[in-house]
Amino acid sequence: MAANARLALLGGGAYLRDSLNAQTAPPADLAEAVNSLAATIEQLGVNYLANAKNDAQAPLRHDLDSEIATLKKLCE
């Protein structure tokens, strides 16, 4: 079950990036924020699959929180 969650992170990042690329002209700041979020999600998934230690994941989880906050502000 944990492997499914880890793989879902990889798929989720790819889905975000594909959805963004399907848009004809997304605002540059939104595109940058979505790409950043997608990369972070994918990296978290890869690290979880590789059984990375918490000290490797903690900065990524912090980045993820910041990226989500940025996207919330952009979408208000």
PDB file of N, CA and C in Angstrom:
ATOM      1  N   MET A   1       0.816  -1.182   0.000  1.00  0.00           N
ATOM      2  CA  MET A   1       0.000   0.000   0.000  1.00  0.00           C
ATOM      3  C   MET A   1       0.869   1.259   0.000  1.00  0.00           C
ATOM      4  N   ALA A   2       1.947   1.250   0.751  1.00  0.00           N
ATOM      5  CA  ALA A   2       2.839   2.408   0.775  1.00  0.00           C
ATOM      6  C   ALA A   2       3.459   2.649  -0.590  1.00  0.00           C
ATOM      7  N   ALA A   3       3.751   1.566  -1.306  1.00  0.00           N
ATOM      8  CA  ALA A   3       4.333   1.724  -2.639  1.00  0.00           C
ATOM      9  C   ALA A   3       3.353   2.430  -3.568  1.00  0.00           C
ATOM     10  N   ASN A   4       2.074   2.152  -3.423  1.00  0.00           N
ATOM     11  CA  ASN A   4       1.074   2.822  -4.251  1.00  0.00           C
ATOM     12  C   ASN A   4       1.061   4.327  -3.995  1.00  0.00           C
ATOM     13  N   ALA A   5       1.160   4.705  -2.750  1.00  0.00           N
ATOM     14  CA  ALA A   5       1.190   6.130  -2.412  1.00  0.00           C
ATOM     15  C   ALA A   5       2.433   6.795  -2.987  1.00  0.00           C
ATOM     16  N   ARG A   6       3.533   6.096  -2.932  1.00  0.00           N
ATOM     17  CA  ARG A   6       4.786   6.641  -3.468  1.00  0.00           C
ATOM     18  C   ARG A   6       4.706   6.799  -4.975  1.00  0.00           C
ATOM     19  N   LEU A   7       4.141   5.808  -5.633  1.00  0.00           N
ATOM     20  CA  LEU A   7       3.964   5.894  -7.085  1.00  0.00           C
ATOM     21  C   LEU A   7       2.962   6.973  -7.457  1.00  0.00           C
ATOM     22  N   ALA A   8       1.964   7.182  -6.609  1.00  0.00           N
ATOM     23  CA  ALA A   8       0.977   8.232  -6.864  1.00  0.00           C
ATOM     24  C   ALA A   8       1.635   9.614  -6.875  1.00  0.00           C
ATOM     25  N   LEU A   9       2.650   9.802  -6.058  1.00  0.00           N
ATOM     26  CA  LEU A   9       3.374  11.079  -6.087  1.00  0.00           C
ATOM     27  C   LEU A   9       4.029  11.291  -7.445  1.00  0.00           C
ATOM     28  N   LEU A  10       4.634  10.242  -7.976  1.00  0.00           N
ATOM     29  CA  LEU A  10       5.264  10.363  -9.292  1.00  0.00           C
ATOM     30  C   LEU A  10       4.225  10.681 -10.362  1.00  0.00           C
ATOM     31  N   GLY A  11       3.123   9.931 -10.331  1.00  0.00           N
ATOM     32  CA  GLY A  11       2.058  10.165 -11.300  1.00  0.00           C
ATOM     33  C   GLY A  11       1.408  11.522 -11.134  1.00  0.00           C
ATOM     34  N   GLY A  12       1.268  11.967  -9.891  1.00  0.00           N
ATOM     35  CA  GLY A  12       0.671  13.272  -9.634  1.00  0.00           C
ATOM     36  C   GLY A  12       1.504  14.411 -10.177  1.00  0.00           C
ATOM     37  N   GLY A  13       2.805  14.302 -10.015  1.00  0.00           N
ATOM     38  CA  GLY A  13       3.688  15.332 -10.555  1.00  0.00           C
ATOM     39  C   GLY A  13       3.615  15.388 -12.072  1.00  0.00           C
ATOM     40  N   ALA A  14       3.606  14.216 -12.695  1.00  0.00           N
ATOM     41  CA  ALA A  14       3.507  14.158 -14.160  1.00  0.00           C
ATOM     42  C   ALA A  14       2.160  14.702 -14.633  1.00  0.00           C
ATOM     43  N   TYR A  15       1.100  14.366 -13.894  1.00  0.00           N
ATOM     44  CA  TYR A  15      -0.232  14.856 -14.250  1.00  0.00           C
ATOM     45  C   TYR A  15      -0.285  16.387 -14.190  1.00  0.00           C
ATOM     46  N   LEU A  16       0.268  16.962 -13.138  1.00  0.00           N
ATOM     47  CA  LEU A  16       0.289  18.431 -13.032  1.00  0.00           C
ATOM     48  C   LEU A  16       1.011  19.052 -14.216  1.00  0.00           C
ATOM     49  N   ARG A  17       2.177  18.511 -14.532  1.00  0.00           N
ATOM     50  CA  ARG A  17       2.977  19.045 -15.633  1.00  0.00           C
ATOM     51  C   ARG A  17       2.237  18.874 -16.967  1.00  0.00           C
ATOM     52  N   ASP A  18       1.627  17.712 -17.195  1.00  0.00           N
ATOM     53  CA  ASP A  18       0.881  17.480 -18.434  1.00  0.00           C
ATOM     54  C   ASP A  18      -0.316  18.415 -18.543  1.00  0.00           C
ATOM     55  N   SER A  19      -1.006  18.623 -17.427  1.00  0.00           N
ATOM     56  CA  SER A  19      -2.161  19.526 -17.433  1.00  0.00           C
ATOM     57  C   SER A  19      -1.724  20.957 -17.748  1.00  0.00           C
ATOM     58  N   LEU A  20      -0.618  21.355 -17.197  1.00  0.00           N
ATOM     59  CA  LEU A  20      -0.091  22.691 -17.472  1.00  0.00           C
ATOM     60  C   LEU A  20       0.278  22.818 -18.943  1.00  0.00           C
ATOM     61  N   ASN A  21       0.954  21.812 -19.481  1.00  0.00           N
ATOM     62  CA  ASN A  21       1.388  21.858 -20.874  1.00  0.00           C
ATOM     63  C   ASN A  21       0.220  21.828 -21.853  1.00  0.00           C
ATOM     64  N   ALA A  22      -0.936  21.361 -21.415  1.00  0.00           N
ATOM     65  CA  ALA A  22      -2.117  21.323 -22.274  1.00  0.00           C
ATOM     66  C   ALA A  22      -2.776  22.702 -22.398  1.00  0.00           C
ATOM     67  N   GLN A  23      -2.387  23.632 -21.537  1.00  0.00           N
ATOM     68  CA  GLN A  23      -2.949  24.985 -21.584  1.00  0.00           C
ATOM     69  C   GLN A  23      -2.258  25.781 -22.688  1.00  0.00           C
ATOM     70  N   THR A  24      -3.024  26.626 -23.356  1.00  0.00           N
ATOM     71  CA  THR A  24      -2.452  27.370 -24.480  1.00  0.00           C
ATOM     72  C   THR A  24      -1.515  28.492 -24.044  1.00  0.00           C
ATOM     73  N   ALA A  25      -1.858  29.206 -23.031  1.00  0.00           N
ATOM     74  CA  ALA A  25      -1.010  30.326 -22.613  1.00  0.00           C
ATOM     75  C   ALA A  25      -1.183  30.598 -21.123  1.00  0.00           C
ATOM     76  N   PRO A  26      -0.694  29.694 -20.268  1.00  0.00           N
ATOM     77  CA  PRO A  26      -0.828  29.955 -18.835  1.00  0.00           C
ATOM     78  C   PRO A  26       0.054  31.140 -18.433  1.00  0.00           C
ATOM     79  N   PRO A  27      -0.369  31.898 -17.440  1.00  0.00           N
ATOM     80  CA  PRO A  27       0.489  32.984 -16.957  1.00  0.00           C
ATOM     81  C   PRO A  27       1.852  32.427 -16.525  1.00  0.00           C
ATOM     82  N   ALA A  28       2.886  33.161 -16.801  1.00  0.00           N
ATOM     83  CA  ALA A  28       4.252  32.696 -16.537  1.00  0.00           C
ATOM     84  C   ALA A  28       4.463  32.365 -15.062  1.00  0.00           C
ATOM     85  N   ASP A  29       3.941  33.199 -14.163  1.00  0.00           N
ATOM     86  CA  ASP A  29       4.150  32.927 -12.741  1.00  0.00           C
ATOM     87  C   ASP A  29       3.425  31.663 -12.296  1.00  0.00           C
ATOM     88  N   LEU A  30       2.245  31.421 -12.847  1.00  0.00           N
ATOM     89  CA  LEU A  30       1.513  30.206 -12.529  1.00  0.00           C
ATOM     90  C   LEU A  30       2.227  28.978 -13.100  1.00  0.00           C
ATOM     91  N   ALA A  31       2.706  29.081 -14.318  1.00  0.00           N
ATOM     92  CA  ALA A  31       3.425  27.965 -14.942  1.00  0.00           C
ATOM     93  C   ALA A  31       4.679  27.616 -14.141  1.00  0.00           C
ATOM     94  N   GLU A  32       5.396  28.620 -13.708  1.00  0.00           N
ATOM     95  CA  GLU A  32       6.604  28.385 -12.919  1.00  0.00           C
ATOM     96  C   GLU A  32       6.269  27.709 -11.593  1.00  0.00           C
ATOM     97  N   ALA A  33       5.212  28.167 -10.944  1.00  0.00           N
ATOM     98  CA  ALA A  33       4.811  27.594  -9.662  1.00  0.00           C
ATOM     99  C   ALA A  33       4.349  26.147  -9.817  1.00  0.00           C
ATOM    100  N   VAL A  34       3.587  25.856 -10.857  1.00  0.00           N
ATOM    101  CA  VAL A  34       3.109  24.488 -11.086  1.00  0.00           C
ATOM    102  C   VAL A  34       4.274  23.566 -11.425  1.00  0.00           C
ATOM    103  N   ASN A  35       5.188  24.018 -12.266  1.00  0.00           N
ATOM    104  CA  ASN A  35       6.363  23.205 -12.597  1.00  0.00           C
ATOM    105  C   ASN A  35       7.203  22.911 -11.361  1.00  0.00           C
ATOM    106  N   SER A  36       7.358  23.884 -10.514  1.00  0.00           N
ATOM    107  CA  SER A  36       8.126  23.699  -9.294  1.00  0.00           C
ATOM    108  C   SER A  36       7.452  22.686  -8.377  1.00  0.00           C
ATOM    109  N   LEU A  37       6.137  22.823  -8.209  1.00  0.00           N
ATOM    110  CA  LEU A  37       5.378  21.887  -7.383  1.00  0.00           C
ATOM    111  C   LEU A  37       5.466  20.477  -7.955  1.00  0.00           C
ATOM    112  N   ALA A  38       5.314  20.339  -9.249  1.00  0.00           N
ATOM    113  CA  ALA A  38       5.382  19.021  -9.885  1.00  0.00           C
ATOM    114  C   ALA A  38       6.745  18.376  -9.659  1.00  0.00           C
ATOM    115  N   ALA A  39       7.800  19.152  -9.810  1.00  0.00           N
ATOM    116  CA  ALA A  39       9.155  18.611  -9.608  1.00  0.00           C
ATOM    117  C   ALA A  39       9.361  18.163  -8.163  1.00  0.00           C
ATOM    118  N   THR A  40       8.862  18.941  -7.222  1.00  0.00           N
ATOM    119  CA  THR A  40       9.012  18.589  -5.815  1.00  0.00           C
ATOM    120  C   THR A  40       8.231  17.316  -5.484  1.00  0.00           C
ATOM    121  N   ILE A  41       7.009  17.224  -5.986  1.00  0.00           N
ATOM    122  CA  ILE A  41       6.201  16.029  -5.743  1.00  0.00           C
ATOM    123  C   ILE A  41       6.892  14.790  -6.313  1.00  0.00           C
ATOM    124  N   GLU A  42       7.400  14.911  -7.517  1.00  0.00           N
ATOM    125  CA  GLU A  42       8.086  13.769  -8.139  1.00  0.00           C
ATOM    126  C   GLU A  42       9.341  13.382  -7.360  1.00  0.00           C
ATOM    127  N   GLN A  43      10.097  14.373  -6.920  1.00  0.00           N
ATOM    128  CA  GLN A  43      11.313  14.072  -6.162  1.00  0.00           C
ATOM    129  C   GLN A  43      10.990  13.407  -4.833  1.00  0.00           C
ATOM    130  N   LEU A  44       9.946  13.857  -4.180  1.00  0.00           N
ATOM    131  CA  LEU A  44       9.510  13.194  -2.949  1.00  0.00           C
ATOM    132  C   LEU A  44       9.173  11.729  -3.223  1.00  0.00           C
ATOM    133  N   GLY A  45       8.445  11.483  -4.301  1.00  0.00           N
ATOM    134  CA  GLY A  45       8.086  10.110  -4.656  1.00  0.00           C
ATOM    135  C   GLY A  45       9.295   9.244  -4.933  1.00  0.00           C
ATOM    136  N   VAL A  46      10.244   9.763  -5.682  1.00  0.00           N
ATOM    137  CA  VAL A  46      11.473   9.019  -5.978  1.00  0.00           C
ATOM    138  C   VAL A  46      12.225   8.716  -4.687  1.00  0.00           C
ATOM    139  N   ASN A  47      12.343   9.714  -3.841  1.00  0.00           N
ATOM    140  CA  ASN A  47      13.055   9.519  -2.580  1.00  0.00           C
ATOM    141  C   ASN A  47      12.360   8.503  -1.683  1.00  0.00           C
ATOM    142  N   TYR A  48      11.020   8.566  -1.629  1.00  0.00           N
ATOM    143  CA  TYR A  48      10.292   7.581  -0.822  1.00  0.00           C
ATOM    144  C   TYR A  48      10.512   6.174  -1.363  1.00  0.00           C
ATOM    145  N   LEU A  49      10.492   6.020  -2.687  1.00  0.00           N
ATOM    146  CA  LEU A  49      10.727   4.705  -3.282  1.00  0.00           C
ATOM    147  C   LEU A  49      12.124   4.191  -2.970  1.00  0.00           C
ATOM    148  N   ALA A  50      13.075   5.109  -2.829  1.00  0.00           N
ATOM    149  CA  ALA A  50      14.458   4.741  -2.524  1.00  0.00           C
ATOM    150  C   ALA A  50      14.709   4.660  -1.025  1.00  0.00           C
ATOM    151  N   ASN A  51      13.646   4.784  -0.232  1.00  0.00           N
ATOM    152  CA  ASN A  51      13.761   4.750   1.228  1.00  0.00           C
ATOM    153  C   ASN A  51      14.711   5.809   1.772  1.00  0.00           C
ATOM    154  N   ALA A  52      14.591   7.014   1.225  1.00  0.00           N
ATOM    155  CA  ALA A  52      15.428   8.120   1.678  1.00  0.00           C
ATOM    156  C   ALA A  52      15.135   8.429   3.144  1.00  0.00           C
ATOM    157  N   LYS A  53      16.132   8.870   3.830  1.00  0.00           N
ATOM    158  CA  LYS A  53      16.009   9.238   5.246  1.00  0.00           C
ATOM    159  C   LYS A  53      15.200  10.528   5.380  1.00  0.00           C
ATOM    160  N   ASN A  54      14.673  10.751   6.568  1.00  0.00           N
ATOM    161  CA  ASN A  54      13.872  11.935   6.850  1.00  0.00           C
ATOM    162  C   ASN A  54      14.640  13.227   6.586  1.00  0.00           C
ATOM    163  N   ASP A  55      15.937  13.238   6.850  1.00  0.00           N
ATOM    164  CA  ASP A  55      16.699  14.472   6.642  1.00  0.00           C
ATOM    165  C   ASP A  55      16.798  14.838   5.159  1.00  0.00           C
ATOM    166  N   ALA A  56      16.621  13.865   4.272  1.00  0.00           N
ATOM    167  CA  ALA A  56      16.594  14.160   2.838  1.00  0.00           C
ATOM    168  C   ALA A  56      15.207  14.637   2.410  1.00  0.00           C
ATOM    169  N   GLN A  57      14.178  14.144   3.064  1.00  0.00           N
ATOM    170  CA  GLN A  57      12.815  14.475   2.690  1.00  0.00           C
ATOM    171  C   GLN A  57      12.305  15.765   3.331  1.00  0.00           C
ATOM    172  N   ALA A  58      12.785  16.075   4.512  1.00  0.00           N
ATOM    173  CA  ALA A  58      12.275  17.242   5.238  1.00  0.00           C
ATOM    174  C   ALA A  58      12.353  18.536   4.434  1.00  0.00           C
ATOM    175  N   PRO A  59      13.489  18.839   3.791  1.00  0.00           N
ATOM    176  CA  PRO A  59      13.529  20.081   3.000  1.00  0.00           C
ATOM    177  C   PRO A  59      12.532  20.069   1.842  1.00  0.00           C
ATOM    178  N   LEU A  60      12.331  18.915   1.246  1.00  0.00           N
ATOM    179  CA  LEU A  60      11.372  18.817   0.146  1.00  0.00           C
ATOM    180  C   LEU A  60       9.942  19.028   0.636  1.00  0.00           C
ATOM    181  N   ARG A  61       9.628  18.475   1.808  1.00  0.00           N
ATOM    182  CA  ARG A  61       8.287  18.682   2.372  1.00  0.00           C
ATOM    183  C   ARG A  61       8.084  20.166   2.709  1.00  0.00           C
ATOM    184  N   HIS A  62       9.120  20.818   3.178  1.00  0.00           N
ATOM    185  CA  HIS A  62       9.047  22.261   3.451  1.00  0.00           C
ATOM    186  C   HIS A  62       8.826  23.022   2.145  1.00  0.00           C
ATOM    187  N   ASP A  63       9.579  22.652   1.110  1.00  0.00           N
ATOM    188  CA  ASP A  63       9.393  23.285  -0.198  1.00  0.00           C
ATOM    189  C   ASP A  63       7.969  23.085  -0.693  1.00  0.00           C
ATOM    190  N   LEU A  64       7.454  21.878  -0.516  1.00  0.00           N
ATOM    191  CA  LEU A  64       6.096  21.571  -0.957  1.00  0.00           C
ATOM    192  C   LEU A  64       5.084  22.484  -0.268  1.00  0.00           C
ATOM    193  N   ASP A  65       5.225  22.665   1.035  1.00  0.00           N
ATOM    194  CA  ASP A  65       4.326  23.566   1.764  1.00  0.00           C
ATOM    195  C   ASP A  65       4.399  24.980   1.198  1.00  0.00           C
ATOM    196  N   SER A  66       5.592  25.457   0.921  1.00  0.00           N
ATOM    197  CA  SER A  66       5.774  26.812   0.379  1.00  0.00           C
ATOM    198  C   SER A  66       5.180  26.927  -1.023  1.00  0.00           C
ATOM    199  N   GLU A  67       5.370  25.882  -1.827  1.00  0.00           N
ATOM    200  CA  GLU A  67       4.856  25.910  -3.199  1.00  0.00           C
ATOM    201  C   GLU A  67       3.329  25.885  -3.216  1.00  0.00           C
ATOM    202  N   ILE A  68       2.740  25.135  -2.327  1.00  0.00           N
ATOM    203  CA  ILE A  68       1.278  25.103  -2.227  1.00  0.00           C
ATOM    204  C   ILE A  68       0.762  26.491  -1.804  1.00  0.00           C
ATOM    205  N   ALA A  69       1.423  27.111  -0.856  1.00  0.00           N
ATOM    206  CA  ALA A  69       1.010  28.455  -0.419  1.00  0.00           C
ATOM    207  C   ALA A  69       1.121  29.455  -1.579  1.00  0.00           C
ATOM    208  N   THR A  70       2.182  29.348  -2.355  1.00  0.00           N
ATOM    209  CA  THR A  70       2.360  30.229  -3.507  1.00  0.00           C
ATOM    210  C   THR A  70       1.238  30.039  -4.512  1.00  0.00           C
ATOM    211  N   LEU A  71       0.904  28.790  -4.805  1.00  0.00           N
ATOM    212  CA  LEU A  71      -0.180  28.517  -5.752  1.00  0.00           C
ATOM    213  C   LEU A  71      -1.524  29.034  -5.236  1.00  0.00           C
ATOM    214  N   LYS A  72      -1.758  28.886  -3.934  1.00  0.00           N
ATOM    215  CA  LYS A  72      -3.006  29.403  -3.364  1.00  0.00           C
ATOM    216  C   LYS A  72      -3.120  30.908  -3.588  1.00  0.00           C
ATOM    217  N   LYS A  73      -2.028  31.627  -3.369  1.00  0.00           N
ATOM    218  CA  LYS A  73      -2.027  33.077  -3.563  1.00  0.00           C
ATOM    219  C   LYS A  73      -2.268  33.434  -5.029  1.00  0.00           C
ATOM    220  N   LEU A  74      -1.655  32.672  -5.927  1.00  0.00           N
ATOM    221  CA  LEU A  74      -1.807  32.960  -7.352  1.00  0.00           C
ATOM    222  C   LEU A  74      -3.227  32.686  -7.843  1.00  0.00           C
ATOM    223  N   CYS A  75      -3.923  31.779  -7.189  1.00  0.00           N
ATOM    224  CA  CYS A  75      -5.260  31.378  -7.637  1.00  0.00           C
ATOM    225  C   CYS A  75      -6.382  32.118  -6.925  1.00  0.00           C
ATOM    226  N   GLU A  76      -6.052  33.036  -6.056  1.00  0.00           N
ATOM    227  CA  GLU A  76      -7.093  33.787  -5.347  1.00  0.00           C
ATOM    228  C   GLU A  76      -7.683  34.864  -6.241  1.00  0.00           C
TER     229      GLU A  76
END
